[in-house]
Amino acid sequence: MGEEVDAVMRRKEIQRRLQSSSQPIKGSQLAKDLQVSRQVIVQDIAILRAGGIQVVATPTGYLIQGVPSQGILKTICCQHGESLKEISDELETIVAFGGKVIDVIVEHPIYGEIRAVLNITCLWDVQQFIENVKTNRVKLLSILTEGLHYHTLEVTNEAMFRQIKEALKKRHYLK
């Protein structure tokens, strides 16, 4: 019974940490802090999800999906090639004007909407994302739709959203 109680307490602690953090937390950090393996954390996250907690895995760690922290959500439609320079420029433009890139969405003709959480809030996040793409040599979701994709953005006001749209339009990314 002791192990079962420990597991329940550990999951409550994981949930508490994720709810109180404004940034994603890496599974390896949770494992280290809670003195368990990374695999135990993965299993705990699965159990939390099964219990209705909306834990999302992002490229930079786990977070609990919730309501916008500071503003309003807007969706934009973009298109560009697979160049990491274009991808970086698009994301950097958004965060330079204060926007937060919540996710990327593509509309696949067979599977429908495919969404991946990005949670990119600053230049450092953009650099980390691009580095992860390079290091892991992965293909981006937009390859499925000839570069056409959507982003959900969090902005503090309509003026910020207009500035982001105008900057992306000048760079020929806005669709």
Protein backbone atom coordinates (compact mmCIF):
# COMPACT_ATOMS: atom_id res chain seq x y z
CA MET A 1 0.00 0.00 0.00
CA GLY A 2 2.92 2.37 0.64
CA GLU A 3 4.00 2.39 -3.03
CA GLU A 4 0.43 3.12 -4.12
CA VAL A 5 0.20 6.11 -1.76
CA ASP A 6 3.61 7.34 -2.96
CA ALA A 7 2.45 7.15 -6.59
CA VAL A 8 -0.74 9.10 -5.83
CA MET A 9 1.24 11.76 -3.93
CA ARG A 10 3.79 11.98 -6.75
CA ARG A 11 1.05 12.53 -9.36
CA LYS A 12 -0.52 15.22 -7.17
CA GLU A 13 2.90 16.90 -6.94
CA ILE A 14 3.37 16.70 -10.73
CA GLN A 15 -0.06 18.26 -11.23
CA ARG A 16 0.68 20.99 -8.68
CA ARG A 17 4.00 21.86 -10.33
CA LEU A 18 2.50 21.99 -13.80
CA GLN A 19 -0.44 24.12 -12.67
CA SER A 20 1.82 26.59 -10.88
CA SER A 21 4.33 26.94 -13.70
CA SER A 22 3.95 29.44 -16.51
CA GLN A 23 6.54 27.52 -18.56
CA PRO A 24 6.70 23.88 -19.63
CA ILE A 25 8.60 21.52 -17.33
CA LYS A 26 10.79 18.80 -18.82
CA GLY A 27 9.97 15.22 -17.87
CA SER A 28 13.62 14.64 -17.03
CA GLN A 29 13.50 17.53 -14.55
CA LEU A 30 10.37 16.13 -12.90
CA ALA A 31 12.04 12.71 -12.73
CA LYS A 32 15.15 14.16 -11.11
CA ASP A 33 13.19 16.28 -8.63
CA LEU A 34 10.88 13.41 -7.65
CA GLN A 35 13.66 10.80 -7.66
CA VAL A 36 12.05 8.45 -10.17
CA SER A 37 12.82 7.43 -13.73
CA ARG A 38 11.68 9.40 -16.76
CA GLN A 39 9.48 6.42 -17.69
CA VAL A 40 7.65 6.68 -14.35
CA ILE A 41 6.90 10.35 -15.16
CA VAL A 42 5.56 9.36 -18.60
CA GLN A 43 3.26 6.82 -16.93
CA ASP A 44 2.17 9.37 -14.31
CA ILE A 45 1.36 11.89 -17.06
CA ALA A 46 -0.74 9.24 -18.83
CA ILE A 47 -2.66 8.59 -15.61
CA LEU A 48 -3.23 12.32 -15.06
CA ARG A 49 -4.55 12.61 -18.62
CA ALA A 50 -6.84 9.61 -18.10
CA GLY A 51 -8.14 11.42 -15.02
CA GLY A 52 -9.14 14.43 -17.11
CA ILE A 53 -6.13 16.69 -16.54
CA GLN A 54 -5.19 18.32 -19.85
CA VAL A 55 -1.44 17.76 -19.76
CA VAL A 56 0.19 18.64 -23.06
CA ALA A 57 3.64 17.56 -24.21
CA THR A 58 5.48 20.39 -25.97
CA PRO A 59 8.97 20.44 -27.47
CA THR A 60 10.19 22.08 -24.26
CA GLY A 61 8.33 19.98 -21.69
CA TYR A 62 4.92 19.34 -20.15
CA LEU A 63 2.30 21.93 -19.35
CA ILE A 64 -1.35 21.98 -18.41
CA GLN A 65 -3.48 23.40 -21.18
CA GLY A 66 -5.63 26.20 -19.89
CA VAL A 67 -7.13 29.53 -20.66
CA PRO A 68 -4.99 32.33 -22.07
CA SER A 69 -2.88 33.83 -19.32
CA GLN A 70 -2.75 37.41 -20.53
CA GLY A 71 -4.89 38.02 -23.54
CA ILE A 72 -7.00 36.88 -26.41
CA LEU A 73 -6.57 34.01 -28.84
CA LYS A 74 -6.39 34.63 -32.58
CA THR A 75 -5.74 32.33 -35.51
CA ILE A 76 -3.64 33.16 -38.55
CA CYS A 77 -3.09 31.23 -41.77
CA CYS A 78 0.46 31.15 -43.11
CA GLN A 79 2.34 29.51 -45.95
CA HIS A 80 6.03 29.21 -46.71
CA GLY A 81 8.61 26.64 -47.74
CA GLU A 82 10.50 24.19 -45.56
CA SER A 83 13.49 26.46 -45.07
CA LEU A 84 14.47 26.74 -41.42
CA LYS A 85 15.31 30.37 -42.15
CA GLU A 86 11.69 31.05 -43.19
CA ILE A 87 10.29 29.14 -40.23
CA SER A 88 12.56 30.98 -37.82
CA ASP A 89 11.73 34.34 -39.41
CA GLU A 90 7.99 33.67 -39.18
CA LEU A 91 8.16 32.72 -35.49
CA GLU A 92 10.61 35.50 -34.60
CA THR A 93 8.31 38.04 -36.25
CA ILE A 94 5.39 36.93 -34.11
CA VAL A 95 7.26 37.01 -30.81
CA ALA A 96 9.02 40.29 -31.72
CA PHE A 97 5.62 41.98 -31.67
CA GLY A 98 4.71 40.37 -28.33
CA GLY A 99 2.67 37.44 -29.62
CA LYS A 100 2.80 33.94 -28.21
CA VAL A 101 2.61 31.01 -30.65
CA ILE A 102 0.36 28.49 -28.92
CA ASP A 103 0.31 25.82 -31.62
CA VAL A 104 0.58 24.88 -35.28
CA ILE A 105 -2.34 23.31 -37.14
CA VAL A 106 -2.61 21.69 -40.55
CA GLU A 107 -5.76 20.47 -42.30
CA HIS A 108 -4.97 17.05 -43.73
CA PRO A 109 -7.30 15.77 -46.49
CA ILE A 110 -7.64 12.35 -44.83
CA TYR A 111 -6.95 12.84 -41.12
CA GLY A 112 -8.55 16.25 -40.74
CA GLU A 113 -7.07 18.72 -38.26
CA ILE A 114 -3.63 17.86 -36.90
CA ARG A 115 -2.44 20.13 -34.09
CA ALA A 116 0.85 20.35 -32.22
CA VAL A 117 1.45 22.52 -29.16
CA LEU A 118 4.44 24.85 -29.58
CA ASN A 119 4.16 27.35 -26.69
CA ILE A 120 6.71 29.74 -28.20
CA THR A 121 6.86 32.98 -26.25
CA CYS A 122 10.27 34.52 -26.95
CA LEU A 123 13.32 34.47 -29.21
CA TRP A 124 14.99 31.82 -27.05
CA ASP A 125 11.99 29.51 -27.58
CA VAL A 126 12.26 30.04 -31.35
CA GLN A 127 15.96 29.19 -31.27
CA GLN A 128 15.28 26.06 -29.19
CA PHE A 129 12.55 24.96 -31.58
CA ILE A 130 14.78 25.41 -34.64
CA GLU A 131 17.64 23.62 -32.88
CA ASN A 132 15.32 20.70 -32.04
CA VAL A 133 14.24 20.47 -35.68
CA LYS A 134 17.89 20.43 -36.79
CA THR A 135 19.10 18.01 -34.14
CA ASN A 136 16.27 15.53 -34.63
CA ARG A 137 16.13 15.95 -38.42
CA VAL A 138 12.35 15.92 -38.38
CA LYS A 139 9.86 16.97 -41.02
CA LEU A 140 7.40 19.67 -40.05
CA LEU A 141 3.63 19.20 -40.16
CA SER A 142 3.32 21.84 -42.89
CA ILE A 143 5.06 19.47 -45.32
CA LEU A 144 1.71 17.63 -45.46
CA THR A 145 -0.04 20.72 -46.83
CA GLU A 146 2.57 22.31 -49.13
CA GLY A 147 3.54 24.75 -46.40
CA LEU A 148 0.01 25.89 -45.56
CA HIS A 149 -0.58 25.97 -41.81
CA TYR A 150 -2.36 27.84 -39.05
CA HIS A 151 -1.09 29.19 -35.76
CA THR A 152 -3.14 30.00 -32.70
CA LEU A 153 -1.64 33.15 -31.22
CA GLU A 154 -2.12 34.71 -27.83
CA VAL A 155 -2.00 38.52 -27.98
CA THR A 156 -2.78 41.17 -25.41
CA ASN A 157 -4.94 43.29 -27.71
CA GLU A 158 -6.23 43.80 -31.26
CA ALA A 159 -3.53 46.37 -32.09
CA MET A 160 -0.80 43.82 -31.37
CA PHE A 161 -2.57 41.28 -33.57
CA ARG A 162 -2.81 43.81 -36.45
CA GLN A 163 0.93 44.56 -36.14
CA ILE A 164 1.80 40.86 -36.29
CA LYS A 165 -0.44 40.32 -39.31
CA GLU A 166 1.02 43.32 -41.13
CA ALA A 167 4.61 42.20 -40.48
CA LEU A 168 3.84 38.65 -41.67
CA LYS A 169 2.08 40.04 -44.74
CA LYS A 170 5.17 42.12 -45.64
CA ARG A 171 7.25 38.95 -45.44
CA HIS A 172 4.76 37.09 -47.66
CA TYR A 173 3.92 34.48 -45.01
CA LEU A 174 0.32 35.46 -44.41
CA LYS A 175 -2.26 33.63 -46.48
